[in-house]
C-alpha atoms as a PDB file:
ATOM      1  CA  MET A   1     -31.340 -25.682  18.014  1.00  0.00           C
ATOM      2  CA  ASP A   2     -31.576 -29.160  19.511  1.00  0.00           C
ATOM      3  CA  THR A   3     -32.500 -29.935  23.129  1.00  0.00           C
ATOM      4  CA  THR A   4     -28.945 -30.751  24.193  1.00  0.00           C
ATOM      5  CA  GLU A   5     -27.650 -27.424  22.921  1.00  0.00           C
ATOM      6  CA  LYS A   6     -30.494 -25.542  24.589  1.00  0.00           C
ATOM      7  CA  GLU A   7     -29.779 -27.282  27.917  1.00  0.00           C
ATOM      8  CA  ARG A   8     -26.069 -26.466  27.626  1.00  0.00           C
ATOM      9  CA  ILE A   9     -26.798 -22.784  27.059  1.00  0.00           C
ATOM     10  CA  VAL A  10     -29.421 -22.650  29.803  1.00  0.00           C
ATOM     11  CA  LYS A  11     -27.132 -24.463  32.260  1.00  0.00           C
ATOM     12  CA  LYS A  12     -24.182 -22.170  31.632  1.00  0.00           C
ATOM     13  CA  ASN A  13     -26.266 -19.042  32.066  1.00  0.00           C
ATOM     14  CA  ILE A  14     -28.260 -20.216  35.086  1.00  0.00           C
ATOM     15  CA  LEU A  15     -25.090 -21.282  36.911  1.00  0.00           C
ATOM     16  CA  GLU A  16     -23.586 -17.852  36.242  1.00  0.00           C
ATOM     17  CA  LEU A  17     -26.787 -16.136  37.341  1.00  0.00           C
ATOM     18  CA  TYR A  18     -26.877 -18.239  40.516  1.00  0.00           C
ATOM     19  CA  ARG A  19     -23.300 -17.307  41.378  1.00  0.00           C
ATOM     20  CA  GLU A  20     -24.051 -13.622  40.815  1.00  0.00           C
ATOM     21  CA  ASN A  21     -27.246 -13.635  42.889  1.00  0.00           C
ATOM     22  CA  PHE A  22     -25.912 -15.648  45.807  1.00  0.00           C
ATOM     23  CA  ASN A  23     -22.187 -14.918  45.617  1.00  0.00           C
ATOM     24  CA  VAL A  24     -21.181 -18.572  45.959  1.00  0.00           C
ATOM     25  CA  HIS A  25     -18.006 -20.288  44.899  1.00  0.00           C
ATOM     26  CA  GLN A  26     -19.217 -23.879  44.873  1.00  0.00           C
ATOM     27  CA  THR A  27     -18.590 -26.268  42.004  1.00  0.00           C
ATOM     28  CA  ASP A  28     -21.146 -26.625  39.236  1.00  0.00           C
ATOM     29  CA  ASP A  29     -22.165 -30.059  40.533  1.00  0.00           C
ATOM     30  CA  GLU A  30     -22.727 -28.694  44.034  1.00  0.00           C
ATOM     31  CA  ILE A  31     -24.814 -25.807  42.721  1.00  0.00           C
ATOM     32  CA  LEU A  32     -26.935 -28.117  40.561  1.00  0.00           C
ATOM     33  CA  ASN A  33     -28.221 -29.868  43.693  1.00  0.00           C
ATOM     34  CA  ILE A  34     -29.132 -26.689  45.581  1.00  0.00           C
ATOM     35  CA  ASN A  35     -32.727 -25.548  46.004  1.00  0.00           C
ATOM     36  CA  PRO A  36     -32.406 -21.738  46.229  1.00  0.00           C
ATOM     37  CA  LYS A  37     -35.849 -21.323  47.783  1.00  0.00           C
ATOM     38  CA  LYS A  38     -35.026 -23.694  50.645  1.00  0.00           C
ATOM     39  CA  GLU A  39     -31.336 -22.952  51.125  1.00  0.00           C
ATOM     40  CA  SER A  40     -31.170 -19.196  50.633  1.00  0.00           C
ATOM     41  CA  GLU A  41     -32.610 -16.625  52.943  1.00  0.00           C
ATOM     42  CA  SER A  42     -32.859 -13.887  50.334  1.00  0.00           C
ATOM     43  CA  ASN A  43     -32.694 -13.121  46.624  1.00  0.00           C
ATOM     44  CA  TYR A  44     -34.245 -16.380  45.487  1.00  0.00           C
ATOM     45  CA  ILE A  45     -37.313 -14.612  44.045  1.00  0.00           C
ATOM     46  CA  ARG A  46     -35.122 -12.169  42.128  1.00  0.00           C
ATOM     47  CA  TYR A  47     -33.083 -15.137  40.846  1.00  0.00           C
ATOM     48  CA  TYR A  48     -36.156 -16.891  39.435  1.00  0.00           C
ATOM     49  CA  GLU A  49     -37.600 -13.649  38.041  1.00  0.00           C
ATOM     50  CA  SER A  50     -34.284 -13.004  36.278  1.00  0.00           C
ATOM     51  CA  ILE A  51     -34.513 -16.427  34.658  1.00  0.00           C
ATOM     52  CA  LEU A  52     -38.005 -15.617  33.383  1.00  0.00           C
ATOM     53  CA  ASP A  53     -36.761 -12.329  31.935  1.00  0.00           C
ATOM     54  CA  ILE A  54     -33.607 -13.699  30.355  1.00  0.00           C
ATOM     55  CA  PHE A  55     -35.296 -16.624  28.630  1.00  0.00           C
ATOM     56  CA  HIS A  56     -38.538 -14.778  27.751  1.00  0.00           C
ATOM     57  CA  ILE A  57     -40.711 -17.129  29.791  1.00  0.00           C
ATOM     58  CA  GLU A  58     -44.137 -15.994  30.983  1.00  0.00           C
ATOM     59  CA  GLU A  59     -44.553 -15.341  34.711  1.00  0.00           C
ATOM     60  CA  GLU A  60     -47.307 -17.966  34.871  1.00  0.00           C
ATOM     61  CA  HIS A  61     -44.510 -20.588  34.657  1.00  0.00           C
ATOM     62  CA  LEU A  62     -42.686 -19.313  37.761  1.00  0.00           C
ATOM     63  CA  ASP A  63     -43.875 -22.190  39.959  1.00  0.00           C
ATOM     64  CA  SER A  64     -42.776 -24.771  37.407  1.00  0.00           C
ATOM     65  CA  ILE A  65     -39.169 -23.514  37.293  1.00  0.00           C
ATOM     66  CA  THR A  66     -38.597 -23.414  41.051  1.00  0.00           C
ATOM     67  CA  GLY A  67     -36.805 -26.250  42.777  1.00  0.00           C
ATOM     68  CA  LYS A  68     -33.265 -27.563  42.538  1.00  0.00           C
ATOM     69  CA  VAL A  69     -31.050 -25.736  40.062  1.00  0.00           C
ATOM     70  CA  LYS A  70     -30.729 -28.847  37.876  1.00  0.00           C
ATOM     71  CA  ASP A  71     -34.525 -29.168  37.661  1.00  0.00           C
ATOM     72  CA  THR A  72     -34.832 -25.483  36.811  1.00  0.00           C
ATOM     73  CA  ILE A  73     -32.380 -25.931  33.936  1.00  0.00           C
ATOM     74  CA  LYS A  74     -34.387 -28.780  32.415  1.00  0.00           C
ATOM     75  CA  LYS A  75     -37.697 -26.956  32.732  1.00  0.00           C
ATOM     76  CA  VAL A  76     -36.313 -23.673  31.355  1.00  0.00           C
ATOM     77  CA  ALA A  77     -34.838 -25.537  28.367  1.00  0.00           C
ATOM     78  CA  GLU A  78     -38.321 -26.921  27.677  1.00  0.00           C
ATOM     79  CA  LEU A  79     -40.052 -23.552  28.064  1.00  0.00           C
ATOM     80  CA  TRP A  80     -37.469 -21.411  26.298  1.00  0.00           C
ATOM     81  CA  ALA A  81     -38.835 -20.644  22.854  1.00  0.00           C
ATOM     82  CA  THR A  82     -35.818 -20.020  20.661  1.00  0.00           C
ATOM     83  CA  THR A  83     -38.122 -18.992  17.834  1.00  0.00           C
ATOM     84  CA  LEU A  84     -38.704 -15.598  19.435  1.00  0.00           C
ATOM     85  CA  PRO A  85     -37.193 -12.715  17.484  1.00  0.00           C
ATOM     86  CA  ASN A  86     -33.577 -12.182  18.543  1.00  0.00           C
ATOM     87  CA  SER A  87     -33.771 -14.820  21.283  1.00  0.00           C
ATOM     88  CA  SER A  88     -30.805 -16.786  19.941  1.00  0.00           C
ATOM     89  CA  ALA A  89     -28.857 -13.585  19.320  1.00  0.00           C
ATOM     90  CA  THR A  90     -29.058 -12.836  23.028  1.00  0.00           C
ATOM     91  CA  TRP A  91     -26.944 -15.900  23.794  1.00  0.00           C
ATOM     92  CA  ASN A  92     -24.579 -15.959  20.806  1.00  0.00           C
ATOM     93  CA  TRP A  93     -21.728 -14.653  22.949  1.00  0.00           C
ATOM     94  CA  GLN A  94     -22.329 -17.477  25.461  1.00  0.00           C
ATOM     95  CA  MET A  95     -22.125 -20.164  22.799  1.00  0.00           C
ATOM     96  CA  GLN A  96     -18.588 -19.315  21.732  1.00  0.00           C
END
C-alpha cells in the first residue's frame, strides 16, 4: 500500500474517531487544525490511546502522535505497519 493510500485510510478513520470521542460536528478541515490536548477538557488521552490500538502502534510512540489532528494523521501513516498480520483486513471495509 502506498503512502497516499495509507494517509487516506488513516485520515478517514481518525476523523471518525475524533467525532465519536468529542461529539463534534465540524467540517473535516476544521477538525484537522484542532489540537485535542489543548482544546478538549477530557477524553483526549482515550482518543490517542484508541489510535495506538487501532493502528497497532506501540505506546512508546504516544508523544509523537499528539498534536494537531492533521499532524497525527501524518505520523500515524508513517508508524502504521501494514505488514502486520490482518492489519489491512481491519480496514478493508473503510476502503470501499
